[in-house]
Protein backbone atom coordinates (compact mmCIF):
# COMPACT_ATOMS: atom_id res chain seq x y z
CA UNK A 1 -24.59 -21.14 28.37
CA UNK A 2 -25.79 -17.55 28.12
CA UNK A 3 -27.83 -17.59 31.21
CA UNK A 4 -24.78 -18.78 33.15
CA UNK A 5 -22.19 -16.35 31.20
CA UNK A 6 -24.18 -13.47 29.74
CA UNK A 7 -21.21 -12.37 27.99
CA UNK A 8 -20.30 -15.70 26.52
CA UNK A 9 -21.21 -14.65 22.72
CA UNK A 10 -18.44 -12.19 23.03
CA UNK A 11 -15.62 -14.80 23.71
CA UNK A 12 -14.07 -16.23 20.56
CA UNK A 13 -12.99 -19.33 22.20
CA UNK A 14 -16.53 -20.62 22.11
CA UNK A 15 -16.69 -20.49 18.27
CA UNK A 16 -15.23 -22.50 15.62
CA UNK A 17 -12.88 -20.49 13.38
CA UNK A 18 -13.83 -20.44 9.69
CA UNK A 19 -11.65 -21.41 6.97
CA UNK A 20 -9.89 -18.76 5.21
CA UNK A 21 -11.34 -18.55 1.63
CA UNK A 22 -11.92 -16.51 -1.23
CA UNK A 23 -14.72 -14.49 0.37
CA UNK A 24 -12.47 -13.78 3.53
CA UNK A 25 -9.64 -12.41 1.31
CA UNK A 26 -11.89 -10.16 -0.59
CA UNK A 27 -13.33 -8.78 2.45
CA UNK A 28 -9.92 -8.04 3.90
CA UNK A 29 -10.42 -10.22 6.83
CA UNK A 30 -7.18 -10.81 8.99
CA UNK A 31 -5.48 -8.40 6.92
CA UNK A 32 -2.73 -6.17 8.05
CA UNK A 33 -2.51 -2.55 7.48
CA UNK A 34 -0.71 -1.47 4.14
CA UNK A 35 1.84 1.30 4.95
CA UNK A 36 -0.08 2.16 8.09
CA UNK A 37 -3.50 2.36 6.07
CA UNK A 38 -6.20 0.04 7.27
CA UNK A 39 -8.09 -2.16 5.04
CA UNK A 40 -11.34 -0.28 5.12
CA UNK A 41 -10.25 2.96 3.44
CA UNK A 42 -8.29 1.04 1.01
CA UNK A 43 -11.19 -0.76 -0.06
CA UNK A 44 -13.38 2.28 -0.25
CA UNK A 45 -10.83 4.07 -2.29
CA UNK A 46 -10.24 0.97 -4.69
CA UNK A 47 -13.98 1.09 -5.03
CA UNK A 48 -14.33 4.75 -6.08
CA UNK A 49 -11.55 4.13 -8.31
CA UNK A 50 -13.28 1.56 -10.13
CA UNK A 51 -16.57 3.60 -10.39
CA UNK A 52 -14.37 6.39 -11.97
CA UNK A 53 -13.14 4.08 -14.47
CA UNK A 54 -16.54 2.72 -15.39
CA UNK A 55 -17.61 6.58 -15.66
CA UNK A 56 -14.71 7.18 -18.09
CA UNK A 57 -15.38 3.97 -20.01
CA UNK A 58 -19.04 4.15 -20.72
CA UNK A 59 -20.43 7.70 -20.14
CA UNK A 60 -19.96 10.33 -22.69
CA UNK A 61 -20.77 13.80 -21.41
CA UNK A 62 -19.60 16.73 -23.61
CA UNK A 63 -17.43 19.23 -21.67
CA UNK A 64 -16.89 17.00 -18.62
CA UNK A 65 -13.09 16.03 -18.40
CA UNK A 66 -13.42 12.48 -17.28
CA UNK A 67 -15.76 11.49 -19.72
CA UNK A 68 -14.29 13.67 -22.65
CA UNK A 69 -11.80 10.90 -23.58
CA UNK A 70 -10.29 10.10 -27.10
CA UNK A 71 -11.98 7.15 -28.69
CA UNK A 72 -8.96 4.81 -28.66
CA UNK A 73 -8.67 5.40 -24.92
CA UNK A 74 -12.26 4.50 -24.38
CA UNK A 75 -12.18 1.57 -26.20
CA UNK A 76 -9.14 0.37 -24.19
CA UNK A 77 -11.00 1.03 -20.81
CA UNK A 78 -14.10 -0.83 -22.23
CA UNK A 79 -11.82 -3.98 -22.91
């Protein structure tokens, strides 16, 4: 097929569409922009936020405002 049509691999009509599952939802496939923001920056922002929460919950560095939390709040973030 590629010898007859060199760009056939770019045509989606030749491929079966995969079922939309949990992995597709986590990757944001077929997602519409949220308030005009594409899914890529939203995923990166949430990942950075999750890393910040982990930093605040498990790292204690005196003088650094993100890790200088009261013990009850730190215990709450740790679950």
